[in-house]
Amino acid sequence: MSKPDPRIPAMLELAELKFRIDDDGDAIVVISGWEEGRSQTVFISSRTYTYDDQEFREVFSPAYTGELPTAKVLPESVTSHGLI
């Protein structure tokens, strides 16, 4: 298990967000409580990058998790190009 950047847990605890650290040292936050019982999973990378004098890290979240819609509801341009 990689060590997380210690700033990540500190900031998430300060924001009173529940999180866990994965084997790569990245944080995973699940935000719930929205309508229809939906939730959003957010991944916060422990690794940072620099550009000039700025430090960056990746923060991302899947837009959808679940069954893919049937081909009948997807545009032909998507299904014909093998994008699913």
C-alpha atoms as a PDB file:
ATOM      1  CA  MET A   1       0.000   0.000   0.000  1.00  0.00           C
ATOM      2  CA  SER A   2       1.384   3.376  -1.029  1.00  0.00           C
ATOM      3  CA  LYS A   3       1.324   6.195   1.474  1.00  0.00           C
ATOM      4  CA  PRO A   4      -1.214   8.917   0.678  1.00  0.00           C
ATOM      5  CA  ASP A   5      -0.256  12.552   0.469  1.00  0.00           C
ATOM      6  CA  PRO A   6      -0.959  13.524   4.111  1.00  0.00           C
ATOM      7  CA  ARG A   7      -2.696  16.711   2.967  1.00  0.00           C
ATOM      8  CA  ILE A   8      -5.586  14.707   1.457  1.00  0.00           C
ATOM      9  CA  PRO A   9      -6.828  12.999   4.660  1.00  0.00           C
ATOM     10  CA  ALA A  10      -6.283  16.227   6.599  1.00  0.00           C
ATOM     11  CA  MET A  11      -8.479  18.248   4.225  1.00  0.00           C
ATOM     12  CA  LEU A  12     -11.172  15.557   3.968  1.00  0.00           C
ATOM     13  CA  GLU A  13     -11.322  15.249   7.755  1.00  0.00           C
ATOM     14  CA  LEU A  14     -11.529  19.033   8.066  1.00  0.00           C
ATOM     15  CA  ALA A  15     -14.481  18.954   5.636  1.00  0.00           C
ATOM     16  CA  GLU A  16     -16.010  16.119   7.703  1.00  0.00           C
ATOM     17  CA  LEU A  17     -16.190  13.820   4.673  1.00  0.00           C
ATOM     18  CA  LYS A  18     -16.004  10.051   5.047  1.00  0.00           C
ATOM     19  CA  PHE A  19     -13.335   8.499   2.850  1.00  0.00           C
ATOM     20  CA  ARG A  20     -11.057   5.528   2.464  1.00  0.00           C
ATOM     21  CA  ILE A  21      -7.537   5.202   1.080  1.00  0.00           C
ATOM     22  CA  ASP A  22      -6.960   2.579  -1.629  1.00  0.00           C
ATOM     23  CA  ASP A  23      -3.814   0.496  -2.202  1.00  0.00           C
ATOM     24  CA  ASP A  24      -2.295   3.235  -4.383  1.00  0.00           C
ATOM     25  CA  GLY A  25      -2.664   5.841  -1.627  1.00  0.00           C
ATOM     26  CA  ASP A  26      -5.525   7.599  -3.428  1.00  0.00           C
ATOM     27  CA  ALA A  27      -8.636   8.761  -1.559  1.00  0.00           C
ATOM     28  CA  ILE A  28     -12.122   7.564  -2.431  1.00  0.00           C
ATOM     29  CA  VAL A  29     -15.054   9.668  -1.246  1.00  0.00           C
ATOM     30  CA  VAL A  30     -18.694   8.642  -1.673  1.00  0.00           C
ATOM     31  CA  ILE A  31     -21.132  11.550  -1.498  1.00  0.00           C
ATOM     32  CA  SER A  32     -24.750  10.509  -1.015  1.00  0.00           C
ATOM     33  CA  GLY A  33     -28.073  11.955   0.026  1.00  0.00           C
ATOM     34  CA  TRP A  34     -29.313  13.178  -3.336  1.00  0.00           C
ATOM     35  CA  GLU A  35     -32.764  12.505  -4.719  1.00  0.00           C
ATOM     36  CA  GLU A  36     -33.698   8.974  -5.718  1.00  0.00           C
ATOM     37  CA  GLY A  37     -30.991   7.544  -3.445  1.00  0.00           C
ATOM     38  CA  ARG A  38     -28.225   8.470  -5.862  1.00  0.00           C
ATOM     39  CA  SER A  39     -24.604   8.889  -4.852  1.00  0.00           C
ATOM     40  CA  GLN A  40     -21.394  10.097  -6.449  1.00  0.00           C
ATOM     41  CA  THR A  41     -17.968   8.510  -6.023  1.00  0.00           C
ATOM     42  CA  VAL A  42     -14.978  10.856  -6.211  1.00  0.00           C
ATOM     43  CA  PHE A  43     -11.381   9.689  -6.632  1.00  0.00           C
ATOM     44  CA  ILE A  44      -8.580  11.993  -5.438  1.00  0.00           C
ATOM     45  CA  SER A  45      -5.118  11.061  -6.644  1.00  0.00           C
ATOM     46  CA  SER A  46      -2.312  11.195  -4.125  1.00  0.00           C
ATOM     47  CA  ARG A  47       0.206  11.866  -6.883  1.00  0.00           C
ATOM     48  CA  THR A  48       0.762  15.476  -7.871  1.00  0.00           C
ATOM     49  CA  TYR A  49       2.206  17.124 -10.963  1.00  0.00           C
ATOM     50  CA  THR A  50       3.896  20.477 -11.289  1.00  0.00           C
ATOM     51  CA  TYR A  51       3.778  23.020 -14.061  1.00  0.00           C
ATOM     52  CA  ASP A  52       5.864  26.139 -13.555  1.00  0.00           C
ATOM     53  CA  ASP A  53       5.296  26.855  -9.871  1.00  0.00           C
ATOM     54  CA  GLN A  54       1.806  25.288  -9.658  1.00  0.00           C
ATOM     55  CA  GLU A  55       1.004  21.883  -8.183  1.00  0.00           C
ATOM     56  CA  PHE A  56      -1.868  19.816  -9.604  1.00  0.00           C
ATOM     57  CA  ARG A  57      -3.541  16.505  -8.779  1.00  0.00           C
ATOM     58  CA  GLU A  58      -6.178  14.458 -10.564  1.00  0.00           C
ATOM     59  CA  VAL A  59      -9.688  14.503  -9.115  1.00  0.00           C
ATOM     60  CA  PHE A  60     -12.263  12.567 -11.092  1.00  0.00           C
ATOM     61  CA  SER A  61     -15.623  10.872 -10.840  1.00  0.00           C
ATOM     62  CA  PRO A  62     -17.472   8.393 -13.053  1.00  0.00           C
ATOM     63  CA  ALA A  63     -20.530   9.929 -14.665  1.00  0.00           C
ATOM     64  CA  TYR A  64     -22.580   6.714 -14.672  1.00  0.00           C
ATOM     65  CA  THR A  65     -22.385   3.275 -13.146  1.00  0.00           C
ATOM     66  CA  GLY A  66     -24.866   0.589 -14.012  1.00  0.00           C
ATOM     67  CA  GLU A  67     -26.374  -1.239 -16.929  1.00  0.00           C
ATOM     68  CA  LEU A  68     -25.792   0.246 -20.358  1.00  0.00           C
ATOM     69  CA  PRO A  69     -28.953   1.324 -22.144  1.00  0.00           C
ATOM     70  CA  THR A  70     -30.152  -0.890 -24.952  1.00  0.00           C
ATOM     71  CA  ALA A  71     -29.088  -0.107 -28.486  1.00  0.00           C
ATOM     72  CA  LYS A  72     -32.626   1.120 -29.213  1.00  0.00           C
ATOM     73  CA  VAL A  73     -32.095   4.229 -27.067  1.00  0.00           C
ATOM     74  CA  LEU A  74     -28.548   4.981 -28.212  1.00  0.00           C
ATOM     75  CA  PRO A  75     -27.885   6.972 -31.368  1.00  0.00           C
ATOM     76  CA  GLU A  76     -26.757   4.898 -34.337  1.00  0.00           C
ATOM     77  CA  SER A  77     -23.554   6.962 -34.519  1.00  0.00           C
ATOM     78  CA  VAL A  78     -22.512   5.541 -31.122  1.00  0.00           C
ATOM     79  CA  THR A  79     -23.398   1.901 -31.784  1.00  0.00           C
ATOM     80  CA  SER A  80     -22.041   1.820 -35.335  1.00  0.00           C
ATOM     81  CA  HIS A  81     -18.594   3.063 -34.220  1.00  0.00           C
ATOM     82  CA  GLY A  82     -18.211   0.438 -31.513  1.00  0.00           C
ATOM     83  CA  LEU A  83     -18.174   2.990 -28.719  1.00  0.00           C
ATOM     84  CA  ILE A  84     -20.025   0.700 -26.323  1.00  0.00           C
END
